Protein backbone atom coordinates (compact mmCIF):
# COMPACT_ATOMS: atom_id res chain seq x y z
CA MET A 1 -172.13 -14.50 -93.94
CA PHE A 2 -173.78 -15.25 -97.30
CA THR A 3 -177.57 -15.53 -97.54
CA VAL A 4 -178.75 -18.57 -99.46
CA GLY A 5 -182.39 -18.80 -98.32
CA GLU A 6 -181.91 -21.20 -95.42
CA PRO A 7 -180.90 -20.80 -91.77
CA ARG A 8 -177.17 -20.59 -91.18
CA PRO A 9 -175.92 -23.94 -89.84
CA GLN A 10 -174.61 -23.84 -86.29
CA PRO A 11 -171.30 -25.57 -87.15
CA LEU A 12 -170.39 -22.69 -89.46
CA SER A 13 -171.20 -20.08 -86.83
CA ILE A 14 -169.12 -21.92 -84.24
CA ALA A 15 -166.26 -22.44 -86.72
CA GLY A 16 -166.33 -18.73 -87.56
CA ASP A 17 -165.90 -17.90 -83.87
CA GLU A 18 -163.06 -20.42 -83.61
CA LEU A 19 -161.25 -18.83 -86.56
CA LYS A 20 -161.58 -15.40 -84.94
CA ALA A 21 -160.26 -16.86 -81.68
CA ASN A 22 -157.22 -18.28 -83.54
CA LYS A 23 -158.36 -21.89 -83.14
CA PRO A 24 -158.02 -23.05 -86.76
CA LYS A 25 -157.51 -26.73 -85.92
CA GLU A 26 -160.82 -26.90 -84.07
CA ALA A 27 -162.55 -25.04 -86.90
CA GLN A 28 -161.03 -27.39 -89.48
CA THR A 29 -162.31 -30.48 -87.66
CA ARG A 30 -165.80 -29.02 -87.38
CA LEU A 31 -165.94 -27.89 -91.01
CA ASP A 32 -164.55 -31.20 -92.33
CA ALA A 33 -167.43 -32.98 -90.63
CA PHE A 34 -169.97 -30.52 -92.02
CA VAL A 35 -168.92 -30.77 -95.69
CA LYS A 36 -168.99 -34.56 -95.49
CA GLN A 37 -172.36 -34.74 -93.75
CA GLU A 38 -174.10 -31.94 -95.69
CA PRO A 39 -172.93 -32.12 -99.33
CA LYS A 40 -176.18 -30.59 -100.59
CA SER A 41 -176.30 -27.70 -98.13
CA GLY A 42 -176.58 -24.22 -99.58
CA PHE A 43 -173.70 -23.33 -97.25
CA TRP A 44 -171.38 -26.04 -98.59
CA ALA A 45 -169.28 -23.60 -100.66
CA GLU A 46 -168.93 -21.23 -97.73
CA ALA A 47 -167.80 -24.13 -95.54
CA GLN A 48 -165.12 -24.92 -98.12
CA TYR A 49 -164.00 -21.28 -98.04
CA MET A 50 -163.73 -21.39 -94.26
CA LEU A 51 -161.86 -24.70 -94.47
CA GLY A 52 -159.38 -23.01 -96.77
CA GLN A 53 -158.92 -20.26 -94.20
CA ALA A 54 -158.45 -22.77 -91.39
CA CYS A 55 -155.79 -24.69 -93.32
CA ALA A 56 -153.94 -21.54 -94.37
CA LYS A 57 -153.81 -20.34 -90.76
CA GLN A 58 -151.96 -23.58 -89.94
CA GLY A 59 -149.54 -23.22 -92.83
CA GLU A 60 -151.24 -25.95 -94.88
CA TYR A 61 -151.37 -23.77 -97.97
CA GLU A 62 -151.65 -26.46 -100.65
CA VAL A 63 -154.57 -28.13 -98.88
CA GLY A 64 -156.09 -24.73 -98.22
CA LYS A 65 -155.93 -23.87 -101.93
CA LYS A 66 -157.91 -26.98 -102.81
CA HIS A 67 -160.73 -26.05 -100.44
CA LEU A 68 -160.73 -22.46 -101.69
CA GLU A 69 -160.92 -23.62 -105.30
CA LEU A 70 -163.93 -25.78 -104.41
CA ALA A 71 -165.57 -22.68 -102.96
CA ILE A 72 -164.77 -20.68 -106.11
CA ASP A 73 -166.15 -23.36 -108.42
CA ASN A 74 -169.33 -24.00 -106.42
CA THR A 75 -170.70 -20.54 -105.72
CA SER A 76 -172.29 -17.81 -107.82
CA ASP A 77 -172.10 -15.32 -104.95
CA ARG A 78 -169.62 -12.60 -106.01
CA THR A 79 -168.60 -11.79 -102.46
CA LEU A 80 -167.84 -15.38 -101.52
CA LYS A 81 -166.12 -16.05 -104.85
CA SER A 82 -163.87 -12.98 -104.59
CA LEU A 83 -162.92 -13.68 -100.97
CA ALA A 84 -162.08 -17.28 -101.85
CA MET A 85 -159.98 -16.02 -104.77
CA MET A 86 -158.18 -13.69 -102.38
CA GLY A 87 -157.50 -16.57 -100.02
CA ARG A 88 -156.11 -18.66 -102.88
CA ALA A 89 -153.81 -15.82 -103.95
CA ASP A 90 -152.66 -15.45 -100.33
CA CYS A 91 -151.74 -19.14 -100.28
CA ASN A 92 -149.70 -18.76 -103.46
CA LEU A 93 -147.97 -15.69 -102.04
CA ALA A 94 -147.09 -17.61 -98.88
CA MET A 95 -145.73 -20.51 -100.99
CA GLU A 96 -143.61 -18.04 -103.00
CA ASN A 97 -145.54 -18.65 -106.21
CA TYR A 98 -145.17 -14.96 -106.93
CA HIS A 99 -146.01 -14.91 -110.64
CA ILE A 100 -149.23 -16.85 -110.09
CA ALA A 101 -150.16 -14.78 -107.03
CA SER A 102 -149.59 -11.48 -108.86
CA ARG A 103 -151.86 -12.56 -111.72
CA GLN A 104 -154.55 -13.68 -109.30
CA TYR A 105 -154.45 -10.45 -107.28
CA HIS A 106 -154.58 -8.44 -110.50
CA TRP A 107 -157.67 -10.35 -111.65
CA ILE A 108 -159.36 -9.66 -108.31
CA GLU A 109 -158.44 -5.96 -108.41
CA THR A 110 -159.79 -5.66 -111.98
CA MET A 111 -162.94 -7.76 -111.78
CA TYR A 112 -164.14 -7.38 -108.19
CA ARG A 113 -163.71 -3.70 -107.32
CA ASP A 114 -167.45 -3.51 -106.57
CA VAL A 115 -167.34 -6.06 -103.74
CA LYS A 116 -167.54 -4.07 -100.51
CA ALA A 117 -166.38 -6.95 -98.32
CA LEU A 118 -163.12 -7.15 -100.25
CA PRO A 119 -160.40 -4.89 -98.74
CA GLN A 120 -159.16 -3.12 -101.87
CA ASP A 121 -156.11 -1.62 -100.16
CA GLU A 122 -155.02 -5.10 -99.08
CA VAL A 123 -155.54 -6.42 -102.61
CA MET A 124 -153.41 -3.63 -104.10
CA TYR A 125 -150.71 -3.98 -101.44
CA LYS A 126 -150.41 -7.73 -101.93
CA LEU A 127 -150.48 -7.28 -105.70
CA GLY A 128 -147.52 -4.92 -105.32
CA LEU A 129 -145.76 -7.33 -102.98
CA ALA A 130 -146.20 -10.34 -105.29
CA THR A 131 -145.14 -8.29 -108.32
CA LYS A 132 -142.05 -6.98 -106.53
CA ARG A 133 -140.99 -10.46 -105.48
CA ALA A 134 -141.63 -11.73 -109.00
CA GLY A 135 -138.97 -9.27 -110.17
CA PHE A 136 -140.96 -6.28 -111.43
CA PRO A 137 -140.17 -3.41 -109.02
CA ASP A 138 -141.51 -0.59 -111.21
CA THR A 139 -144.91 -2.24 -111.55
CA ALA A 140 -144.88 -3.02 -107.84
CA ASP A 141 -144.20 0.63 -107.01
CA TYR A 142 -147.25 1.63 -109.07
CA TRP A 143 -149.49 -0.48 -106.82
CA PHE A 144 -147.75 0.65 -103.65
CA ASN A 145 -148.32 4.25 -104.76
CA GLN A 146 -152.03 3.46 -105.29
CA VAL A 147 -152.28 2.26 -101.71
CA ILE A 148 -150.44 5.32 -100.39
CA GLU A 149 -152.51 7.78 -102.42
CA LEU A 150 -155.97 6.20 -102.13
CA TYR A 151 -155.75 4.72 -98.63
CA ALA A 152 -153.31 7.02 -96.84
CA THR A 153 -154.84 6.38 -93.40
CA GLY A 154 -155.46 2.67 -93.97
CA PRO A 155 -153.60 -0.23 -92.35
CA TYR A 156 -151.49 -0.99 -95.44
CA ALA A 157 -150.18 2.49 -96.26
CA ALA A 158 -147.17 2.25 -93.97
CA ASP A 159 -146.33 -1.22 -95.31
CA ALA A 160 -146.62 0.10 -98.87
CA LYS A 161 -144.13 2.87 -98.07
CA ARG A 162 -141.69 0.35 -96.60
CA GLU A 163 -141.87 -1.78 -99.75
CA ASN A 164 -141.82 1.11 -102.23
CA THR A 165 -138.36 1.42 -103.73
CA LYS A 166 -138.79 5.17 -104.18
CA TYR A 167 -139.03 5.53 -100.41
CA ASN A 168 -136.27 2.99 -99.84
CA PRO A 169 -133.51 3.22 -102.46
CA THR A 170 -131.15 0.26 -102.73
CA ASP A 171 -128.08 2.53 -102.57
CA SER A 172 -127.48 3.25 -98.89
CA ASP A 173 -125.89 6.60 -99.77
CA GLU A 174 -128.84 7.70 -101.90
CA LYS A 175 -131.83 9.45 -100.40
CA PRO A 176 -135.25 8.90 -101.96
CA LEU A 177 -136.10 11.88 -104.16
CA VAL A 178 -139.66 12.76 -103.22
CA TYR A 179 -140.93 16.26 -103.97
CA SER A 180 -143.43 18.07 -101.78
CA LEU A 181 -144.96 21.54 -101.61
CA GLU A 182 -143.87 23.91 -98.89
CA ILE A 183 -147.04 25.83 -98.03
CA LYS A 184 -145.80 28.01 -95.18
CA SER A 185 -142.91 28.29 -92.75
CA PHE A 186 -142.85 29.45 -89.12
CA SER A 187 -140.30 30.21 -86.48
CA ASP A 188 -142.73 28.76 -83.92
CA GLU A 189 -143.36 25.01 -83.98
CA THR A 190 -146.81 25.31 -82.37
CA LYS A 191 -148.01 27.64 -85.11
CA ALA A 192 -146.63 25.28 -87.74
CA ASN A 193 -148.50 22.33 -86.20
CA THR A 194 -151.70 24.39 -86.08
CA GLU A 195 -151.35 25.25 -89.76
CA ALA A 196 -150.71 21.57 -90.57
CA ASP A 197 -153.86 20.55 -88.69
CA ASN A 198 -155.85 23.17 -90.62
CA LEU A 199 -154.60 21.78 -93.93
CA ARG A 200 -155.44 18.21 -92.92
CA ALA A 201 -158.93 19.33 -91.95
CA LYS A 202 -159.35 20.76 -95.44
CA GLY A 203 -158.46 17.41 -96.99
CA TYR A 204 -154.81 17.97 -97.90
CA ARG A 205 -152.77 14.75 -98.02
CA ASP A 206 -149.34 13.89 -96.60
CA VAL A 207 -149.14 17.04 -94.50
CA GLU A 208 -146.12 17.21 -92.24
CA VAL A 209 -144.05 19.73 -90.33
CA ILE A 210 -140.34 19.63 -91.15
CA ALA A 211 -137.84 21.17 -88.78
CA THR A 212 -134.85 22.81 -90.47
CA THR A 213 -132.64 25.88 -90.16
CA ARG A 214 -132.05 28.98 -92.24
CA ASN A 215 -128.98 31.04 -91.46
CA SER A 216 -128.64 29.00 -88.26
CA ILE A 217 -132.18 30.03 -87.21
CA PRO A 218 -134.70 27.21 -86.50
CA VAL A 219 -137.56 27.11 -89.01
CA PHE A 220 -140.59 24.83 -89.18
CA GLU A 221 -141.84 24.22 -92.70
CA VAL A 222 -145.34 22.96 -93.42
CA HIS A 223 -145.24 20.58 -96.39
CA SER A 224 -148.04 18.84 -98.29
CA GLY A 225 -148.05 16.07 -100.86
CA LYS A 226 -145.53 13.52 -102.10
CA PHE A 227 -144.56 13.52 -105.77
CA PHE A 228 -142.10 11.17 -107.39
CA ASN A 229 -141.33 13.21 -110.49
CA LYS A 230 -140.87 16.86 -111.44
CA ASN A 231 -143.96 17.11 -113.64
CA ASP A 232 -146.31 15.94 -110.90
CA ALA A 233 -144.76 18.42 -108.50
CA LYS A 234 -145.11 21.25 -111.02
CA ARG A 235 -148.76 20.40 -111.68
CA ALA A 236 -149.47 20.38 -107.96
CA LYS A 237 -147.81 23.79 -107.56
CA THR A 238 -149.88 25.19 -110.43
CA ASP A 239 -153.07 23.86 -108.81
CA ALA A 240 -152.05 25.44 -105.50
CA ASP A 241 -151.30 28.79 -107.16
CA LEU A 242 -154.70 28.77 -108.91
CA ALA A 243 -156.34 28.07 -105.57
CA GLY A 244 -154.64 31.14 -104.11
CA ILE A 245 -152.17 29.15 -102.03
CA PRO A 246 -148.59 30.21 -102.73
CA ALA A 247 -146.35 27.15 -102.57
CA THR A 248 -142.73 26.26 -103.24
CA ILE A 249 -141.51 22.92 -104.55
CA ARG A 250 -139.11 21.18 -102.18
CA PRO A 251 -136.44 20.16 -102.91
CA GLU A 252 -136.10 22.95 -105.43
CA ILE A 253 -136.20 21.87 -109.07
CA ILE A 254 -133.08 23.07 -110.87
CA GLU A 255 -133.79 23.56 -114.55
CA PRO A 256 -130.86 22.85 -116.89
CA LEU A 257 -129.31 25.76 -118.73
CA LYS A 258 -130.47 26.13 -122.32
């Protein structure tokens, strides 16, 4: 995984396969033997990182943290260091050390954005999750929104929406107020879906077809975007108008009488 100028030891390759095959106990035994027998190996820090993973997969989070911290302290490789930091934060999240985990995820998000091996959407999602559980829902929603906006098709976008309080208000009678732009409307659902596909192909985000009625007549509206406040919705409408795309804010913004 991490080049250190010497051939990769076979025990690490086998342990990596065992971790992928969900055999963490076998990997732990193999890696324990390696770190004891090869304390001067250039792969010693990586072995500690993998040991941390193996322990965490078995729910041994405190032991896993110790191995991950050894990896962090004994490597200068940014990729290995950041992944070990991520593993340590994951252990704290699992142990409900939410304040510590949120600070650790935030450090990773700030200092290691350049590491390609680090899944940034996962970092942001878990940062939001730890922050939410630490009691800071507004800050958490900011990170969930980052995931939704920047990684809309990624594996954590749906989870971010489920955790975002703006999508899931605590009052069961209250619906989340999310503005969107209605681009076009059709009486034919097929035409609406075709228009939606065209917009997605052009790079528009959060495009969906919404079935409704007007004067008891079925109508299929093509919407784009999700905006959590009036100003963002207004700016998006202005941008659409300048681009020659007439759009209407939905739900309609009612300005107070002056």
